[in-house]
Amino acid sequence: MQASPHNQPTLRLCADDAALAQAAQLLRAGQQVAFPTETVYGLGGNAMDDAAVAGIYAAKARPSFNPLIVHIADLDDVNAFAVLDGDSRALAAAFWPGPLTLVLPLRGGARVSKLVTAGLETVAVRLPAHPVARALIRAAGVPLAAPSANPSGRVSPTTAQHVLQGLDGRIAAVVDGGPSGVGVESTIIMATPEGPVLLRAGGVTPQDVASVVGLLPHAPVVADSARPAAPGQLLSHYAPKGTVRLNALAPKAGETMLGFGEISGDLTLSAAGDLREAAANLFACLHQLDATGATAIAVAPIPDEGLGLAINDRLRRAAAPR
């Protein structure tokens, strides 16, 4: 089955047992359902069903060369389709469930759709911490391929309402589990013989990774835009409708200011200069700027450390030429 027809409104479901059973039935039938995670809302489809995964790409208008993350409910679920050992196993033990995605070798004969892996011999896997996400995956009985639940390249959603603003009528349902807590997507790590490689900065910092494996991850790689190795590596991504200028100390004429710390703005990521608060507010602020019709956005400097690495990664991609 394909994505929901455009003239059929998307169901907004609460997160009780009956609603989760309804959402799980839609997923087993090959439909696409958005659901909350602790990072952002994901757009789920059966990772073993080519048509269901194709429906994710269609709903998002996402390039099919851009791989997806497979979400599982329990650690042992990964063994059905991927090889988890060495540093990857140590990182999973330390940070799963949580905002860490691991790029793992595909297991021989794995039933994961090739549309999920974009033809690569690896698969990105995450065990989310959000109880609603895990309950839905268990109820569906299948691993869920799930990018962020927004039109491709646009601002990621941190509430069910954000999902509906971008995808209403294009997907079957959204499960409303309240606002996401972390607010930026998961960190993506690939373990290699030379040490861990950081493919995307996110909710687990490089220092967190080093505390487990003894090495800081290699600097973020510059992706081949024609064949990214993991989600979130396209140069232009997470973009609001207005243009974005970074490291601004004050707005220019016609700009709307997004402040941080001592630099105030029309909206502020964190007046206290708290990176955790700023990460949680980032996408909500960008959605708010879209809603107010901001055509030019100036963003205050964000320290490039800890969660600031993830925030700046998203902002640089939001500011990239489109």
C-alpha atoms as a PDB file:
ATOM      1  CA  MET A   1       0.000   0.000   0.000  1.00  0.00           C
ATOM      2  CA  GLN A   2       1.152   3.535  -0.682  1.00  0.00           C
ATOM      3  CA  ALA A   3       1.067   6.655   1.443  1.00  0.00           C
ATOM      4  CA  SER A   4      -2.372   7.917   2.439  1.00  0.00           C
ATOM      5  CA  PRO A   5      -4.213   9.735  -0.360  1.00  0.00           C
ATOM      6  CA  HIS A   6      -3.884  13.516  -0.277  1.00  0.00           C
ATOM      7  CA  ASN A   7      -7.630  13.983   0.240  1.00  0.00           C
ATOM      8  CA  GLN A   8      -7.710  11.758   3.341  1.00  0.00           C
ATOM      9  CA  PRO A   9      -6.869  13.589   6.576  1.00  0.00           C
ATOM     10  CA  THR A  10      -4.193  12.061   8.761  1.00  0.00           C
ATOM     11  CA  LEU A  11      -5.516  10.502  11.962  1.00  0.00           C
ATOM     12  CA  ARG A  12      -4.255  12.078  15.184  1.00  0.00           C
ATOM     13  CA  LEU A  13      -4.110   9.311  17.772  1.00  0.00           C
ATOM     14  CA  CYS A  14      -3.473   9.523  21.481  1.00  0.00           C
ATOM     15  CA  ALA A  15      -0.873   7.228  23.036  1.00  0.00           C
ATOM     16  CA  ASP A  16      -3.160   4.814  24.891  1.00  0.00           C
ATOM     17  CA  ASP A  17      -3.226   1.051  24.295  1.00  0.00           C
ATOM     18  CA  ALA A  18      -6.205   1.127  21.923  1.00  0.00           C
ATOM     19  CA  ALA A  19      -4.674   3.864  19.781  1.00  0.00           C
ATOM     20  CA  LEU A  20      -1.306   2.100  19.668  1.00  0.00           C
ATOM     21  CA  ALA A  21      -3.070  -1.106  18.555  1.00  0.00           C
ATOM     22  CA  GLN A  22      -4.763   0.888  15.765  1.00  0.00           C
ATOM     23  CA  ALA A  23      -1.456   2.455  14.718  1.00  0.00           C
ATOM     24  CA  ALA A  24       0.263  -0.951  14.784  1.00  0.00           C
ATOM     25  CA  GLN A  25      -2.440  -2.396  12.523  1.00  0.00           C
ATOM     26  CA  LEU A  26      -1.884   0.431  10.025  1.00  0.00           C
ATOM     27  CA  LEU A  27       1.864  -0.272  10.042  1.00  0.00           C
ATOM     28  CA  ARG A  28       1.371  -3.999   9.465  1.00  0.00           C
ATOM     29  CA  ALA A  29      -0.903  -3.090   6.526  1.00  0.00           C
ATOM     30  CA  GLY A  30       1.956  -1.180   4.901  1.00  0.00           C
ATOM     31  CA  GLN A  31       0.869   2.326   5.889  1.00  0.00           C
ATOM     32  CA  GLN A  32       3.030   5.128   7.320  1.00  0.00           C
ATOM     33  CA  VAL A  33       2.550   6.328  10.911  1.00  0.00           C
ATOM     34  CA  ALA A  34       4.407   9.159  12.656  1.00  0.00           C
ATOM     35  CA  PHE A  35       5.354   8.605  16.289  1.00  0.00           C
ATOM     36  CA  PRO A  36       7.261  10.380  19.064  1.00  0.00           C
ATOM     37  CA  THR A  37      10.828   9.624  20.039  1.00  0.00           C
ATOM     38  CA  GLU A  38      12.960  11.426  22.594  1.00  0.00           C
ATOM     39  CA  THR A  39      14.819  13.200  19.752  1.00  0.00           C
ATOM     40  CA  VAL A  40      12.174  14.225  17.173  1.00  0.00           C
ATOM     41  CA  TYR A  41       9.027  12.636  15.707  1.00  0.00           C
ATOM     42  CA  GLY A  42       9.754   9.799  13.280  1.00  0.00           C
ATOM     43  CA  LEU A  43       7.775   8.663  10.230  1.00  0.00           C
ATOM     44  CA  GLY A  44       7.520   4.904  10.576  1.00  0.00           C
ATOM     45  CA  GLY A  45       6.950   2.129   8.072  1.00  0.00           C
ATOM     46  CA  ASN A  46       7.634  -1.613   8.116  1.00  0.00           C
ATOM     47  CA  ALA A  47      11.379  -1.852   7.432  1.00  0.00           C
ATOM     48  CA  MET A  48      10.917  -5.258   5.772  1.00  0.00           C
ATOM     49  CA  ASP A  49       8.217  -4.103   3.312  1.00  0.00           C
ATOM     50  CA  ASP A  50       9.486  -2.420   0.124  1.00  0.00           C
ATOM     51  CA  ALA A  51       6.137  -0.764  -0.594  1.00  0.00           C
ATOM     52  CA  ALA A  52       5.841   0.585   2.954  1.00  0.00           C
ATOM     53  CA  VAL A  53       9.349   2.065   2.789  1.00  0.00           C
ATOM     54  CA  ALA A  54       8.642   3.521  -0.655  1.00  0.00           C
ATOM     55  CA  GLY A  55       5.624   5.188   0.940  1.00  0.00           C
ATOM     56  CA  ILE A  56       7.917   6.926   3.454  1.00  0.00           C
ATOM     57  CA  TYR A  57      10.056   8.352   0.648  1.00  0.00           C
ATOM     58  CA  ALA A  58       6.919   9.401  -1.266  1.00  0.00           C
ATOM     59  CA  ALA A  59       5.292  11.113   1.732  1.00  0.00           C
ATOM     60  CA  LYS A  60       8.458  13.076   2.518  1.00  0.00           C
ATOM     61  CA  ALA A  61       9.495  13.634  -1.117  1.00  0.00           C
ATOM     62  CA  ARG A  62      12.858  12.292   0.136  1.00  0.00           C
ATOM     63  CA  PRO A  63      15.686  11.278  -2.223  1.00  0.00           C
ATOM     64  CA  SER A  64      15.760   7.487  -2.399  1.00  0.00           C
ATOM     65  CA  PHE A  65      19.586   7.457  -2.188  1.00  0.00           C
ATOM     66  CA  ASN A  66      19.336   8.806   1.384  1.00  0.00           C
ATOM     67  CA  PRO A  67      19.302   5.815   3.798  1.00  0.00           C
ATOM     68  CA  LEU A  68      16.875   5.422   6.699  1.00  0.00           C
ATOM     69  CA  ILE A  69      17.301   4.447  10.366  1.00  0.00           C
ATOM     70  CA  VAL A  70      15.704   1.209  11.553  1.00  0.00           C
ATOM     71  CA  HIS A  71      14.102   1.549  14.997  1.00  0.00           C
ATOM     72  CA  ILE A  72      13.842  -1.459  17.303  1.00  0.00           C
ATOM     73  CA  ALA A  73      12.147  -2.011  20.664  1.00  0.00           C
ATOM     74  CA  ASP A  74      14.682  -4.269  22.414  1.00  0.00           C
ATOM     75  CA  LEU A  75      18.420  -4.832  22.134  1.00  0.00           C
ATOM     76  CA  ASP A  76      18.105  -8.439  20.934  1.00  0.00           C
ATOM     77  CA  ASP A  77      15.952  -7.311  17.971  1.00  0.00           C
ATOM     78  CA  VAL A  78      19.069  -6.065  16.169  1.00  0.00           C
ATOM     79  CA  ASN A  79      20.440  -9.599  15.734  1.00  0.00           C
ATOM     80  CA  ALA A  80      17.794 -10.480  13.151  1.00  0.00           C
ATOM     81  CA  PHE A  81      19.302  -8.180  10.534  1.00  0.00           C
ATOM     82  CA  ALA A  82      22.599  -6.629  11.674  1.00  0.00           C
ATOM     83  CA  VAL A  83      25.914  -7.598  13.299  1.00  0.00           C
ATOM     84  CA  LEU A  84      26.517  -5.899  16.658  1.00  0.00           C
ATOM     85  CA  ASP A  85      29.989  -6.505  18.109  1.00  0.00           C
ATOM     86  CA  GLY A  86      33.156  -4.800  19.336  1.00  0.00           C
ATOM     87  CA  ASP A  87      32.904  -1.054  19.933  1.00  0.00           C
ATOM     88  CA  SER A  88      29.363  -1.016  18.541  1.00  0.00           C
ATOM     89  CA  ARG A  89      28.217  -3.457  21.211  1.00  0.00           C
ATOM     90  CA  ALA A  90      29.924  -1.392  23.928  1.00  0.00           C
ATOM     91  CA  LEU A  91      28.252   1.784  22.679  1.00  0.00           C
ATOM     92  CA  ALA A  92      24.864   0.064  22.490  1.00  0.00           C
ATOM     93  CA  ALA A  93      25.272  -1.171  26.052  1.00  0.00           C
ATOM     94  CA  ALA A  94      26.103   2.349  27.217  1.00  0.00           C
ATOM     95  CA  PHE A  95      23.573   4.438  25.279  1.00  0.00           C
ATOM     96  CA  TRP A  96      20.652   2.224  24.237  1.00  0.00           C
ATOM     97  CA  PRO A  97      17.873   3.005  24.703  1.00  0.00           C
ATOM     98  CA  GLY A  98      18.746   6.582  23.801  1.00  0.00           C
ATOM     99  CA  PRO A  99      19.691   9.136  21.118  1.00  0.00           C
ATOM    100  CA  LEU A 100      22.453   7.097  19.442  1.00  0.00           C
ATOM    101  CA  THR A 101      22.268   5.455  16.017  1.00  0.00           C
ATOM    102  CA  LEU A 102      24.855   2.830  15.069  1.00  0.00           C
ATOM    103  CA  VAL A 103      25.749   2.023  11.463  1.00  0.00           C
ATOM    104  CA  LEU A 104      26.238  -1.749  11.464  1.00  0.00           C
ATOM    105  CA  PRO A 105      27.126  -4.444   8.911  1.00  0.00           C
ATOM    106  CA  LEU A 106      24.058  -6.093   7.406  1.00  0.00           C
ATOM    107  CA  ARG A 107      23.623  -9.703   8.427  1.00  0.00           C
ATOM    108  CA  GLY A 108      23.597 -12.173   5.537  1.00  0.00           C
ATOM    109  CA  GLY A 109      20.063 -12.865   4.369  1.00  0.00           C
ATOM    110  CA  ALA A 110      18.643  -9.919   6.323  1.00  0.00           C
ATOM    111  CA  ARG A 111      15.045  -9.150   5.369  1.00  0.00           C
ATOM    112  CA  VAL A 112      15.517  -5.373   5.582  1.00  0.00           C
ATOM    113  CA  SER A 113      14.295  -3.585   2.448  1.00  0.00           C
ATOM    114  CA  LYS A 114      17.099  -2.400   0.177  1.00  0.00           C
ATOM    115  CA  LEU A 115      15.278   0.933   0.080  1.00  0.00           C
ATOM    116  CA  VAL A 116      16.139   1.312   3.795  1.00  0.00           C
ATOM    117  CA  THR A 117      19.868   0.820   3.238  1.00  0.00           C
ATOM    118  CA  ALA A 118      19.927   2.681  -0.102  1.00  0.00           C
ATOM    119  CA  GLY A 119      21.820  -0.313  -1.483  1.00  0.00           C
ATOM    120  CA  LEU A 120      24.643  -0.126   1.078  1.00  0.00           C
ATOM    121  CA  GLU A 121      26.025  -3.172   2.912  1.00  0.00           C
ATOM    122  CA  THR A 122      25.370  -1.433   6.221  1.00  0.00           C
ATOM    123  CA  VAL A 123      22.226  -0.492   8.106  1.00  0.00           C
ATOM    124  CA  ALA A 124      21.623   2.326  10.608  1.00  0.00           C
ATOM    125  CA  VAL A 125      19.891   1.108  13.799  1.00  0.00           C
ATOM    126  CA  ARG A 126      18.543   2.838  16.881  1.00  0.00           C
ATOM    127  CA  LEU A 127      16.801   1.728  20.072  1.00  0.00           C
ATOM    128  CA  PRO A 128      14.793   4.807  21.117  1.00  0.00           C
ATOM    129  CA  ALA A 129      14.218   5.683  24.753  1.00  0.00           C
ATOM    130  CA  HIS A 130      10.688   7.048  24.313  1.00  0.00           C
ATOM    131  CA  PRO A 131       8.209   4.561  25.867  1.00  0.00           C
ATOM    132  CA  VAL A 132       5.546   5.299  23.236  1.00  0.00           C
ATOM    133  CA  ALA A 133       7.969   4.560  20.396  1.00  0.00           C
ATOM    134  CA  ARG A 134       9.004   1.246  21.906  1.00  0.00           C
ATOM    135  CA  ALA A 135       5.408   0.268  22.725  1.00  0.00           C
ATOM    136  CA  LEU A 136       4.386   0.964  19.122  1.00  0.00           C
ATOM    137  CA  ILE A 137       7.267  -1.077  17.665  1.00  0.00           C
ATOM    138  CA  ARG A 138       6.389  -3.997  19.950  1.00  0.00           C
ATOM    139  CA  ALA A 139       2.713  -3.748  19.044  1.00  0.00           C
ATOM    140  CA  ALA A 140       3.508  -3.672  15.318  1.00  0.00           C
ATOM    141  CA  GLY A 141       5.792  -6.683  15.670  1.00  0.00           C
ATOM    142  CA  VAL A 142       8.202  -5.398  12.998  1.00  0.00           C
ATOM    143  CA  PRO A 143      11.224  -3.054  13.008  1.00  0.00           C
ATOM    144  CA  LEU A 144      10.289   0.420  11.801  1.00  0.00           C
ATOM    145  CA  ALA A 145      12.236   2.404   9.247  1.00  0.00           C
ATOM    146  CA  ALA A 146      11.769   5.991  10.381  1.00  0.00           C
ATOM    147  CA  PRO A 147      13.312   9.255   9.238  1.00  0.00           C
ATOM    148  CA  SER A 148      12.053  12.496  10.791  1.00  0.00           C
ATOM    149  CA  ALA A 149       8.343  13.072  10.092  1.00  0.00           C
ATOM    150  CA  ASN A 150       8.601  16.179   7.919  1.00  0.00           C
ATOM    151  CA  PRO A 151       8.886  17.020   4.225  1.00  0.00           C
ATOM    152  CA  SER A 152      12.449  16.285   3.094  1.00  0.00           C
ATOM    153  CA  GLY A 153      14.891  19.087   3.822  1.00  0.00           C
ATOM    154  CA  ARG A 154      12.496  21.032   6.036  1.00  0.00           C
ATOM    155  CA  VAL A 155      12.533  21.626   9.790  1.00  0.00           C
ATOM    156  CA  SER A 156      12.284  18.440  11.872  1.00  0.00           C
ATOM    157  CA  PRO A 157       9.114  18.026  13.999  1.00  0.00           C
ATOM    158  CA  THR A 158       9.164  17.925  17.784  1.00  0.00           C
ATOM    159  CA  THR A 159       5.361  17.812  18.277  1.00  0.00           C
ATOM    160  CA  ALA A 160       2.453  16.029  16.597  1.00  0.00           C
ATOM    161  CA  GLN A 161       1.200  19.405  15.363  1.00  0.00           C
ATOM    162  CA  HIS A 162       4.508  19.986  13.543  1.00  0.00           C
ATOM    163  CA  VAL A 163       4.005  16.632  11.809  1.00  0.00           C
ATOM    164  CA  LEU A 164       0.509  17.569  10.670  1.00  0.00           C
ATOM    165  CA  GLN A 165       1.691  20.948   9.377  1.00  0.00           C
ATOM    166  CA  GLY A 166       3.981  19.169   6.930  1.00  0.00           C
ATOM    167  CA  LEU A 167       2.398  15.785   6.217  1.00  0.00           C
ATOM    168  CA  ASP A 168      -1.365  15.988   6.841  1.00  0.00           C
ATOM    169  CA  GLY A 169      -3.108  13.911   4.192  1.00  0.00           C
ATOM    170  CA  ARG A 170       0.146  12.241   3.125  1.00  0.00           C
ATOM    171  CA  ILE A 171       0.399   9.642   5.913  1.00  0.00           C
ATOM    172  CA  ALA A 172      -2.121   7.443   7.694  1.00  0.00           C
ATOM    173  CA  ALA A 173      -1.706   8.632  11.293  1.00  0.00           C
ATOM    174  CA  VAL A 174       0.389  10.409  13.893  1.00  0.00           C
ATOM    175  CA  VAL A 175       0.593   9.172  17.482  1.00  0.00           C
ATOM    176  CA  ASP A 176       0.652  12.197  19.796  1.00  0.00           C
ATOM    177  CA  GLY A 177       3.059  11.567  22.660  1.00  0.00           C
ATOM    178  CA  GLY A 178       3.728  15.199  23.562  1.00  0.00           C
ATOM    179  CA  PRO A 179       6.840  17.248  22.760  1.00  0.00           C
ATOM    180  CA  SER A 180      10.194  15.551  22.184  1.00  0.00           C
ATOM    181  CA  GLY A 181      12.655  16.067  25.026  1.00  0.00           C
ATOM    182  CA  VAL A 182      16.095  16.084  23.343  1.00  0.00           C
ATOM    183  CA  GLY A 183      15.010  18.150  20.336  1.00  0.00           C
ATOM    184  CA  VAL A 184      17.803  17.244  17.884  1.00  0.00           C
ATOM    185  CA  GLU A 185      18.222  13.956  16.066  1.00  0.00           C
ATOM    186  CA  SER A 186      20.358  11.082  17.247  1.00  0.00           C
ATOM    187  CA  THR A 187      24.130  10.984  16.987  1.00  0.00           C
ATOM    188  CA  ILE A 188      25.195   8.564  14.224  1.00  0.00           C
ATOM    189  CA  ILE A 189      28.380   6.555  14.798  1.00  0.00           C
ATOM    190  CA  MET A 190      30.061   3.909  12.639  1.00  0.00           C
ATOM    191  CA  ALA A 191      32.696   1.780  14.363  1.00  0.00           C
ATOM    192  CA  THR A 192      35.760   1.039  12.216  1.00  0.00           C
ATOM    193  CA  PRO A 193      39.112  -0.683  12.923  1.00  0.00           C
ATOM    194  CA  GLU A 194      40.652   2.811  13.133  1.00  0.00           C
ATOM    195  CA  GLY A 195      38.096   3.947  15.708  1.00  0.00           C
ATOM    196  CA  PRO A 196      34.594   5.421  15.734  1.00  0.00           C
ATOM    197  CA  VAL A 197      33.535   7.751  12.904  1.00  0.00           C
ATOM    198  CA  LEU A 198      31.021  10.515  13.588  1.00  0.00           C
ATOM    199  CA  LEU A 199      28.544  10.607  10.699  1.00  0.00           C
ATOM    200  CA  ARG A 200      26.120  13.013  12.386  1.00  0.00           C
ATOM    201  CA  ALA A 201      26.351  14.988  15.618  1.00  0.00           C
ATOM    202  CA  GLY A 202      23.372  14.607  17.918  1.00  0.00           C
ATOM    203  CA  GLY A 203      22.113  13.897  21.413  1.00  0.00           C
ATOM    204  CA  VAL A 204      25.187  11.835  22.450  1.00  0.00           C
ATOM    205  CA  THR A 205      28.337  13.988  22.445  1.00  0.00           C
ATOM    206  CA  PRO A 206      31.773  12.938  21.136  1.00  0.00           C
ATOM    207  CA  GLN A 207      33.024  13.035  24.728  1.00  0.00           C
ATOM    208  CA  ASP A 208      30.253  10.603  25.708  1.00  0.00           C
ATOM    209  CA  VAL A 209      31.446   8.210  22.985  1.00  0.00           C
ATOM    210  CA  ALA A 210      35.084   8.562  24.036  1.00  0.00           C
ATOM    211  CA  SER A 211      34.174   7.721  27.633  1.00  0.00           C
ATOM    212  CA  VAL A 212      33.110   4.257  26.410  1.00  0.00           C
ATOM    213  CA  VAL A 213      35.559   3.354  23.624  1.00  0.00           C
ATOM    214  CA  GLY A 214      38.572   5.425  24.737  1.00  0.00           C
ATOM    215  CA  LEU A 215      38.784   7.471  21.517  1.00  0.00           C
ATOM    216  CA  LEU A 216      37.079  10.612  20.319  1.00  0.00           C
ATOM    217  CA  PRO A 217      35.166   9.945  17.090  1.00  0.00           C
ATOM    218  CA  HIS A 218      36.816  11.127  13.883  1.00  0.00           C
ATOM    219  CA  ALA A 219      35.646  14.574  12.801  1.00  0.00           C
ATOM    220  CA  PRO A 220      32.282  14.603  10.984  1.00  0.00           C
ATOM    221  CA  VAL A 221      32.760  13.375   7.449  1.00  0.00           C
ATOM    222  CA  VAL A 222      31.808  15.455   4.435  1.00  0.00           C
ATOM    223  CA  ALA A 223      29.216  13.324   2.699  1.00  0.00           C
ATOM    224  CA  ASP A 224      29.082  12.634  -1.006  1.00  0.00           C
ATOM    225  CA  SER A 225      25.758  14.359  -1.645  1.00  0.00           C
ATOM    226  CA  ALA A 226      25.002  11.790  -4.321  1.00  0.00           C
ATOM    227  CA  ARG A 227      25.474   8.862  -1.923  1.00  0.00           C
ATOM    228  CA  PRO A 228      25.372   9.688   1.799  1.00  0.00           C
ATOM    229  CA  ALA A 229      26.480   6.955   4.208  1.00  0.00           C
ATOM    230  CA  ALA A 230      23.869   7.852   6.815  1.00  0.00           C
ATOM    231  CA  PRO A 231      20.784  10.034   7.270  1.00  0.00           C
ATOM    232  CA  GLY A 232      21.164  13.764   7.857  1.00  0.00           C
ATOM    233  CA  GLN A 233      24.285  14.238   5.718  1.00  0.00           C
ATOM    234  CA  LEU A 234      22.781  16.197   2.831  1.00  0.00           C
ATOM    235  CA  LEU A 235      24.299  19.662   2.668  1.00  0.00           C
ATOM    236  CA  SER A 236      20.960  21.507   2.703  1.00  0.00           C
ATOM    237  CA  HIS A 237      18.745  20.049   5.395  1.00  0.00           C
ATOM    238  CA  TYR A 238      16.554  21.073   8.373  1.00  0.00           C
ATOM    239  CA  ALA A 239      15.776  24.309   6.509  1.00  0.00           C
ATOM    240  CA  PRO A 240      13.106  26.856   7.457  1.00  0.00           C
ATOM    241  CA  LYS A 241      11.403  28.843   4.692  1.00  0.00           C
ATOM    242  CA  GLY A 242      13.483  31.962   5.347  1.00  0.00           C
ATOM    243  CA  THR A 243      17.196  32.392   4.678  1.00  0.00           C
ATOM    244  CA  VAL A 244      19.491  31.834   7.663  1.00  0.00           C
ATOM    245  CA  ARG A 245      22.562  33.872   8.712  1.00  0.00           C
ATOM    246  CA  LEU A 246      24.734  32.351  11.443  1.00  0.00           C
ATOM    247  CA  ASN A 247      26.928  33.812  14.210  1.00  0.00           C
ATOM    248  CA  ALA A 248      25.005  37.090  14.185  1.00  0.00           C
ATOM    249  CA  LEU A 249      25.587  39.496  17.070  1.00  0.00           C
ATOM    250  CA  ALA A 250      22.597  41.612  16.041  1.00  0.00           C
ATOM    251  CA  PRO A 251      19.932  41.507  13.321  1.00  0.00           C
ATOM    252  CA  LYS A 252      20.255  43.448  10.074  1.00  0.00           C
ATOM    253  CA  ALA A 253      17.304  45.323   8.626  1.00  0.00           C
ATOM    254  CA  GLY A 254      14.490  42.918   7.810  1.00  0.00           C
ATOM    255  CA  GLU A 255      15.945  40.007   9.796  1.00  0.00           C
ATOM    256  CA  THR A 256      14.233  38.155  12.627  1.00  0.00           C
ATOM    257  CA  MET A 257      16.689  37.417  15.445  1.00  0.00           C
ATOM    258  CA  LEU A 258      17.036  33.994  17.071  1.00  0.00           C
ATOM    259  CA  GLY A 259      18.916  34.644  20.290  1.00  0.00           C
ATOM    260  CA  PHE A 260      21.065  32.603  22.650  1.00  0.00           C
ATOM    261  CA  GLY A 261      22.504  33.514  26.027  1.00  0.00           C
ATOM    262  CA  GLU A 262      23.310  37.214  26.406  1.00  0.00           C
ATOM    263  CA  ILE A 263      22.273  37.931  22.812  1.00  0.00           C
ATOM    264  CA  SER A 264      18.509  38.341  22.956  1.00  0.00           C
ATOM    265  CA  GLY A 265      16.187  37.986  19.996  1.00  0.00           C
ATOM    266  CA  ASP A 266      12.618  37.918  18.783  1.00  0.00           C
ATOM    267  CA  LEU A 267      12.825  34.280  19.859  1.00  0.00           C
ATOM    268  CA  THR A 268      15.519  32.797  22.085  1.00  0.00           C
ATOM    269  CA  LEU A 269      16.925  29.258  22.135  1.00  0.00           C
ATOM    270  CA  SER A 270      18.041  29.670  25.749  1.00  0.00           C
ATOM    271  CA  ALA A 271      18.307  32.961  27.596  1.00  0.00           C
ATOM    272  CA  ALA A 272      20.446  31.165  30.178  1.00  0.00           C
ATOM    273  CA  GLY A 273      22.895  29.923  27.532  1.00  0.00           C
ATOM    274  CA  ASP A 274      21.971  26.299  28.336  1.00  0.00           C
ATOM    275  CA  LEU A 275      22.864  24.028  25.405  1.00  0.00           C
ATOM    276  CA  ARG A 276      20.457  21.306  26.506  1.00  0.00           C
ATOM    277  CA  GLU A 277      17.585  23.807  26.580  1.00  0.00           C
ATOM    278  CA  ALA A 278      18.705  25.240  23.231  1.00  0.00           C
ATOM    279  CA  ALA A 279      18.732  21.798  21.597  1.00  0.00           C
ATOM    280  CA  ALA A 280      15.240  21.048  22.884  1.00  0.00           C
ATOM    281  CA  ASN A 281      13.963  24.409  21.556  1.00  0.00           C
ATOM    282  CA  LEU A 282      15.786  24.517  18.198  1.00  0.00           C
ATOM    283  CA  PHE A 283      13.260  22.987  15.813  1.00  0.00           C
ATOM    284  CA  ALA A 284      10.271  24.417  17.697  1.00  0.00           C
ATOM    285  CA  CYS A 285      11.770  27.905  17.246  1.00  0.00           C
ATOM    286  CA  LEU A 286      12.371  27.304  13.518  1.00  0.00           C
ATOM    287  CA  HIS A 287       8.772  26.141  13.123  1.00  0.00           C
ATOM    288  CA  GLN A 288       7.640  29.290  14.962  1.00  0.00           C
ATOM    289  CA  LEU A 289       9.703  31.453  12.610  1.00  0.00           C
ATOM    290  CA  ASP A 290       8.034  29.750   9.650  1.00  0.00           C
ATOM    291  CA  ALA A 291       4.618  30.386  11.208  1.00  0.00           C
ATOM    292  CA  THR A 292       5.365  34.108  11.579  1.00  0.00           C
ATOM    293  CA  GLY A 293       6.501  34.361   7.957  1.00  0.00           C
ATOM    294  CA  ALA A 294      10.130  35.254   8.711  1.00  0.00           C
ATOM    295  CA  THR A 295      11.972  35.639   5.393  1.00  0.00           C
ATOM    296  CA  ALA A 296      15.442  36.340   6.820  1.00  0.00           C
ATOM    297  CA  ILE A 297      16.687  34.850  10.095  1.00  0.00           C
ATOM    298  CA  ALA A 298      19.791  35.856  12.067  1.00  0.00           C
ATOM    299  CA  VAL A 299      21.051  33.336  14.640  1.00  0.00           C
ATOM    300  CA  ALA A 300      23.263  34.194  17.605  1.00  0.00           C
ATOM    301  CA  PRO A 301      26.564  32.292  18.002  1.00  0.00           C
ATOM    302  CA  ILE A 302      26.298  28.878  19.678  1.00  0.00           C
ATOM    303  CA  PRO A 303      29.357  27.369  21.432  1.00  0.00           C
ATOM    304  CA  ASP A 304      30.738  24.535  19.278  1.00  0.00           C
ATOM    305  CA  GLU A 305      31.069  22.045  22.119  1.00  0.00           C
ATOM    306  CA  GLY A 306      28.932  19.306  23.676  1.00  0.00           C
ATOM    307  CA  LEU A 307      25.366  19.534  22.372  1.00  0.00           C
ATOM    308  CA  GLY A 308      26.422  22.726  20.609  1.00  0.00           C
ATOM    309  CA  LEU A 309      28.091  20.514  17.967  1.00  0.00           C
ATOM    310  CA  ALA A 310      24.691  19.046  17.064  1.00  0.00           C
ATOM    311  CA  ILE A 311      22.924  22.421  17.182  1.00  0.00           C
ATOM    312  CA  ASN A 312      25.535  24.043  14.917  1.00  0.00           C
ATOM    313  CA  ASP A 313      25.441  21.077  12.519  1.00  0.00           C
ATOM    314  CA  ARG A 314      21.676  21.570  12.048  1.00  0.00           C
ATOM    315  CA  LEU A 315      22.030  25.335  11.735  1.00  0.00           C
ATOM    316  CA  ARG A 316      24.810  25.100   9.120  1.00  0.00           C
ATOM    317  CA  ARG A 317      22.649  22.782   7.020  1.00  0.00           C
ATOM    318  CA  ALA A 318      19.648  25.082   7.513  1.00  0.00           C
ATOM    319  CA  ALA A 319      21.777  27.982   6.238  1.00  0.00           C
ATOM    320  CA  ALA A 320      23.244  26.103   3.260  1.00  0.00           C
ATOM    321  CA  PRO A 321      22.378  27.168  -0.309  1.00  0.00           C
ATOM    322  CA  ARG A 322      19.231  25.455  -1.603  1.00  0.00           C
END
